[in-house]
Protein backbone atom coordinates (compact mmCIF):
# COMPACT_ATOMS: atom_id res chain seq x y z
CA UNK A 1 -14.76 12.76 9.18
CA UNK A 2 -17.60 12.77 6.41
CA UNK A 3 -21.09 13.53 6.65
CA UNK A 4 -24.22 11.24 5.69
CA UNK A 5 -26.51 13.06 3.48
CA UNK A 6 -29.50 11.36 5.07
CA UNK A 7 -28.87 11.49 8.76
CA UNK A 8 -26.33 14.57 8.80
CA UNK A 9 -24.18 12.06 11.23
CA UNK A 10 -20.56 12.33 11.17
CA UNK A 11 -19.01 9.27 9.59
CA UNK A 12 -15.42 7.91 9.55
CA UNK A 13 -13.55 8.87 6.41
CA UNK A 14 -10.49 6.65 5.13
CA UNK A 15 -8.20 7.77 2.18
CA UNK A 16 -6.88 4.90 0.04
CA UNK A 17 -4.27 5.22 -2.80
CA UNK A 18 -4.05 2.94 -5.50
CA UNK A 19 -7.82 2.19 -5.19
CA UNK A 20 -8.64 1.47 -8.87
CA UNK A 21 -8.10 -2.39 -8.39
CA UNK A 22 -5.96 -5.06 -6.54
CA UNK A 23 -5.38 -4.63 -2.90
CA UNK A 24 -6.53 -1.09 -2.86
CA UNK A 25 -10.04 -1.84 -4.16
CA UNK A 26 -10.15 -4.70 -1.65
CA UNK A 27 -9.34 -2.47 0.92
CA UNK A 28 -12.46 -0.23 -0.15
CA UNK A 29 -14.67 -3.03 -0.24
CA UNK A 30 -13.81 -4.10 3.48
CA UNK A 31 -13.99 -0.63 4.87
CA UNK A 32 -17.26 0.07 3.00
CA UNK A 33 -18.90 -2.93 4.56
CA UNK A 34 -17.65 -1.57 7.92
CA UNK A 35 -19.54 1.59 7.47
CA UNK A 36 -16.45 4.10 6.49
CA UNK A 37 -16.72 6.72 3.84
CA UNK A 38 -13.98 6.61 1.42
CA UNK A 39 -11.78 8.95 -0.75
CA UNK A 40 -10.26 6.73 -3.49
CA UNK A 41 -7.19 7.82 -5.32
CA UNK A 42 -5.45 6.72 -8.27
CA UNK A 43 -4.40 7.62 -12.09
CA UNK A 44 -7.42 6.02 -13.67
CA UNK A 45 -10.44 8.13 -13.20
CA UNK A 46 -12.74 5.58 -14.87
CA UNK A 47 -11.64 2.57 -12.75
CA UNK A 48 -12.06 4.75 -9.76
CA UNK A 49 -15.53 5.42 -10.69
CA UNK A 50 -16.21 1.92 -11.30
CA UNK A 51 -14.99 0.96 -7.86
CA UNK A 52 -17.02 3.90 -6.23
CA UNK A 53 -20.18 2.82 -8.13
CA UNK A 54 -19.83 -0.76 -7.05
CA UNK A 55 -19.31 0.12 -3.42
CA UNK A 56 -22.25 2.68 -3.19
CA UNK A 57 -24.60 0.17 -4.84
CA UNK A 58 -23.71 -2.56 -2.41
CA UNK A 59 -23.39 -0.54 0.92
CA UNK A 60 -24.44 2.68 2.21
CA UNK A 61 -20.78 4.32 1.80
CA UNK A 62 -20.19 7.76 0.21
CA UNK A 63 -17.07 7.03 -1.99
CA UNK A 64 -15.35 10.16 -3.15
CA UNK A 65 -13.22 9.78 -6.33
CA UNK A 66 -9.94 12.00 -6.63
CA UNK A 67 -7.77 11.03 -9.89
CA UNK A 68 -4.14 11.84 -9.06
CA UNK A 69 -0.86 10.48 -10.47
CA UNK A 70 0.87 10.13 -7.39
CA UNK A 71 4.15 9.39 -8.86
CA UNK A 72 4.38 13.02 -10.19
CA UNK A 73 6.57 15.44 -8.24
CA UNK A 74 4.82 17.21 -5.44
CA UNK A 75 1.73 15.09 -5.73
CA UNK A 76 1.46 14.39 -2.16
CA UNK A 77 1.16 18.08 -1.21
CA UNK A 78 -1.39 18.57 -4.12
CA UNK A 79 -3.58 15.80 -2.85
CA UNK A 80 -3.59 17.02 0.69
CA UNK A 81 -4.56 20.53 -0.43
CA UNK A 82 -7.41 18.98 -2.64
CA UNK A 83 -8.60 17.25 0.93
CA UNK A 84 -8.41 20.52 2.72
CA UNK A 85 -10.34 22.51 0.10
CA UNK A 86 -13.20 19.90 0.50
CA UNK A 87 -13.01 19.66 4.16
CA UNK A 88 -12.21 16.10 4.38
CA UNK A 89 -10.31 14.76 7.40
CA UNK A 90 -9.18 11.20 6.79
CA UNK A 91 -9.27 9.16 10.14
CA UNK A 92 -7.22 6.58 8.30
CA UNK A 93 -4.76 6.62 5.64
CA UNK A 94 -4.04 3.51 3.54
CA UNK A 95 -0.99 4.04 1.33
CA UNK A 96 -1.37 1.19 -1.17
CA UNK A 97 -0.11 3.00 -4.38
CA UNK A 98 3.08 1.47 -5.65
CA UNK A 99 4.75 -0.34 -8.64
CA UNK A 100 7.69 -2.56 -9.43
CA UNK A 101 9.80 -3.20 -12.39
CA UNK A 102 11.73 -6.59 -13.29
CA UNK A 103 15.28 -6.39 -14.83
CA UNK A 104 18.74 -5.40 -14.38
CA UNK A 105 18.47 -1.88 -12.61
CA UNK A 106 21.35 -0.62 -14.97
CA UNK A 107 19.21 -1.44 -17.85
CA UNK A 108 15.88 -0.44 -16.92
CA UNK A 109 14.60 2.92 -17.81
CA UNK A 110 16.22 5.45 -15.23
CA UNK A 111 13.21 7.75 -15.20
CA UNK A 112 10.70 5.10 -14.46
CA UNK A 113 12.78 3.95 -11.68
CA UNK A 114 12.99 7.32 -10.23
CA UNK A 115 9.25 7.61 -10.52
CA UNK A 116 8.89 4.46 -8.54
CA UNK A 117 10.96 5.94 -5.77
CA UNK A 118 8.58 9.00 -5.81
CA UNK A 119 5.57 6.80 -5.71
CA UNK A 120 6.57 4.25 -3.21
CA UNK A 121 8.58 6.49 -1.10
CA UNK A 122 8.24 9.97 -1.32
CA UNK A 123 4.52 10.37 -1.82
CA UNK A 124 4.02 7.75 0.91
CA UNK A 125 6.15 9.53 3.42
CA UNK A 126 4.46 12.90 2.70
CA UNK A 127 1.02 11.71 3.15
CA UNK A 128 1.87 9.85 6.16
CA UNK A 129 3.75 12.92 7.80
CA UNK A 130 1.25 15.24 6.75
CA UNK A 131 -1.87 13.56 8.15
CA UNK A 132 -0.36 11.98 11.35
CA UNK A 133 -0.30 14.88 13.24
CA UNK A 134 -4.08 15.69 13.07
CA UNK A 135 -4.76 11.96 13.78
CA UNK A 136 -2.69 12.26 16.94
CA UNK A 137 -4.47 15.35 18.00
CA UNK A 138 -7.75 13.64 17.64
CA UNK A 139 -6.61 10.71 19.27
CA UNK A 140 -7.79 8.16 16.67
CA UNK A 141 -6.99 6.58 13.48
CA UNK A 142 -3.87 5.89 11.75
CA UNK A 143 -1.76 4.97 9.01
CA UNK A 144 -1.48 1.47 7.09
CA UNK A 145 1.42 1.36 4.71
CA UNK A 146 1.65 -1.57 2.16
CA UNK A 147 5.03 -2.75 2.11
CA UNK A 148 6.14 -6.46 1.04
CA UNK A 149 8.10 -9.31 2.26
CA UNK A 150 10.50 -7.74 -0.25
CA UNK A 151 11.24 -5.30 2.33
CA UNK A 152 13.00 -7.76 4.49
CA UNK A 153 15.73 -8.51 2.08
CA UNK A 154 17.65 -7.34 -1.19
CA UNK A 155 16.33 -8.19 -4.52
CA UNK A 156 18.54 -8.59 -7.62
CA UNK A 157 16.60 -7.94 -10.78
CA UNK A 158 14.12 -5.89 -8.73
CA UNK A 159 16.60 -3.68 -6.88
CA UNK A 160 14.87 -0.48 -6.82
CA UNK A 161 11.44 -2.03 -5.63
CA UNK A 162 12.89 -4.14 -3.04
CA UNK A 163 14.64 -0.99 -1.62
CA UNK A 164 11.63 0.99 -1.63
CA UNK A 165 9.71 -1.47 0.25
CA UNK A 166 12.67 -1.75 2.76
CA UNK A 167 11.99 1.92 3.50
CA UNK A 168 8.29 1.55 3.67
CA UNK A 169 8.82 -1.18 6.33
CA UNK A 170 11.49 0.61 8.35
CA UNK A 171 9.85 3.83 8.10
CA UNK A 172 6.53 2.46 9.40
CA UNK A 173 7.96 0.44 12.20
CA UNK A 174 9.83 3.60 13.45
CA UNK A 175 6.48 5.76 13.11
CA UNK A 176 4.66 3.01 14.99
CA UNK A 177 7.06 3.20 18.00
CA UNK A 178 6.88 7.12 17.92
CA UNK A 179 3.14 6.86 18.04
CA UNK A 180 2.96 4.40 20.88
CA UNK A 181 0.53 5.59 23.50
CA UNK A 182 -1.20 8.01 21.22
CA UNK A 183 -4.31 5.73 20.24
CA UNK A 184 -2.96 5.84 16.74
CA UNK A 185 -1.81 3.06 14.83
CA UNK A 186 0.85 2.64 11.98
CA UNK A 187 0.82 -0.68 10.56
CA UNK A 188 3.21 -1.90 7.74
CA UNK A 189 1.55 -4.82 5.69
CA UNK A 190 4.04 -7.05 4.24
CA UNK A 191 2.53 -9.55 1.52
CA UNK A 192 4.28 -11.81 -0.71
CA UNK A 193 2.95 -12.35 -4.32
CA UNK A 194 -0.77 -11.29 -4.70
CA UNK A 195 -3.30 -11.61 -7.43
CA UNK A 196 -3.25 -8.22 -8.95
CA UNK A 197 -2.00 -6.41 -12.05
CA UNK A 198 1.38 -5.63 -10.36
CA UNK A 199 3.05 -8.67 -11.96
CA UNK A 200 2.08 -7.62 -15.50
CA UNK A 201 3.12 -3.92 -14.79
CA UNK A 202 6.34 -5.18 -13.29
CA UNK A 203 6.92 -7.48 -16.22
CA UNK A 204 7.26 -10.74 -14.21
CA UNK A 205 3.82 -12.33 -15.02
CA UNK A 206 5.82 -15.45 -16.34
CA UNK A 207 8.66 -15.29 -14.06
CA UNK A 208 9.96 -18.21 -11.86
CA UNK A 209 8.55 -16.78 -8.51
CA UNK A 210 5.02 -16.82 -9.99
CA UNK A 211 5.32 -20.45 -10.96
CA UNK A 212 6.86 -21.58 -7.60
CA UNK A 213 4.92 -19.58 -4.83
CA UNK A 214 1.07 -19.34 -5.12
CA UNK A 215 -0.30 -16.04 -5.22
CA UNK A 216 -2.84 -14.65 -2.47
CA UNK A 217 -6.05 -13.27 -3.38
CA UNK A 218 -5.96 -9.45 -2.71
CA UNK A 219 -9.21 -9.49 -0.54
CA UNK A 220 -7.27 -11.95 1.90
CA UNK A 221 -4.20 -9.80 2.04
CA UNK A 222 -6.28 -6.67 2.72
CA UNK A 223 -8.51 -8.37 5.24
CA UNK A 224 -5.42 -9.69 7.09
CA UNK A 225 -3.77 -6.10 7.09
CA UNK A 226 -6.86 -4.23 8.18
CA UNK A 227 -7.41 -6.98 11.09
CA UNK A 228 -3.75 -6.31 12.11
CA UNK A 229 -4.14 -2.57 12.06
CA UNK A 230 -7.22 -2.85 14.48
CA UNK A 231 -5.25 -4.88 16.57
CA UNK A 232 -2.55 -2.11 16.74
CA UNK A 233 0.17 -4.51 15.15
CA UNK A 234 3.10 -2.54 13.73
CA UNK A 235 3.80 -5.35 11.10
CA UNK A 236 1.51 -7.75 9.56
CA UNK A 237 2.88 -10.66 7.33
CA UNK A 238 -0.13 -12.56 6.04
CA UNK A 239 0.30 -16.46 5.30
CA UNK A 240 2.80 -18.99 6.70
CA UNK A 241 4.83 -19.24 3.66
CA UNK A 242 5.28 -15.55 3.48
CA UNK A 243 6.09 -15.31 7.19
CA UNK A 244 8.88 -17.93 6.52
CA UNK A 245 10.16 -15.98 3.41
CA UNK A 246 10.60 -12.85 5.78
CA UNK A 247 12.49 -14.99 8.26
CA UNK A 248 14.99 -16.12 5.68
CA UNK A 249 17.53 -12.97 6.05
CA UNK A 250 17.64 -13.94 9.65
CA UNK A 251 18.08 -17.51 9.20
CA UNK A 252 20.51 -17.58 6.22
CA UNK A 253 23.65 -15.51 5.31
CA UNK A 254 22.74 -12.48 3.34
CA UNK A 255 24.72 -13.71 0.36
CA UNK A 256 22.69 -16.89 0.10
CA UNK A 257 19.22 -14.85 0.18
CA UNK A 258 20.64 -12.53 -2.32
CA UNK A 259 21.61 -15.19 -4.83
CA UNK A 260 18.49 -17.12 -4.33
CA UNK A 261 16.32 -13.71 -5.15
CA UNK A 262 18.63 -13.27 -8.14
CA UNK A 263 17.59 -16.66 -9.31
CA UNK A 264 13.84 -16.43 -8.32
CA UNK A 265 13.52 -12.72 -10.01
CA UNK A 266 15.59 -13.10 -13.06
CA UNK A 267 13.70 -12.10 -15.94
CA UNK A 268 12.64 -15.12 -18.30
CA UNK A 269 14.54 -13.81 -21.26
CA UNK A 270 17.68 -14.25 -19.33
């Protein structure tokens, strides 16, 4: 919980990772509008302060900035200790931080792919497992993990990214079932392409998928995820096209889905 400096009234506190732009920034805006105080985490301190400044100018939120590279070994534990030192106990955790890489896995930089696993999987897992017990003890709040429609299938040319999102989806679903009856919610948000900096970082801005499938607005995706979380849903797939894409592995042979993704995600240079 957090305290409003004017009223001294306890306010709800949410921790958002990857909050310096894209879906994370969109989540921050939505929660600030609803009266939540925020802890914003990402690598880029200048961008975090920009987001915090915009939110505090437009709403009565208090937005705390914690610059952390969550892809580093032990980053999750260090973030938890930073929260404890400040006496911050988030009621909601939104694990949004993550990145992908486009190309053949055996040709991409191995260290960057391992950092992807550390960020997309290890840090997300550690934050979830360390914060959930106190949420369950309070009987309120929960965890919203940003997965992807990629989590429903394999992804040639984005092999590690797809595998990490499969982990996030299945991990979140399992936690949701374990938390059932506790008044704590665990939700996996599974968007398709979104208008963020993700595609540029992944090296797929001009890829075939981006030409064939329209990208959603980050705020629309975040709003759908937040609404699903408040409704207690374990999995949220925003948009009819994305829902259909998520069903493909159930409707088609795995080999067909695998080859189709290999075609869709093939780097342009190939």
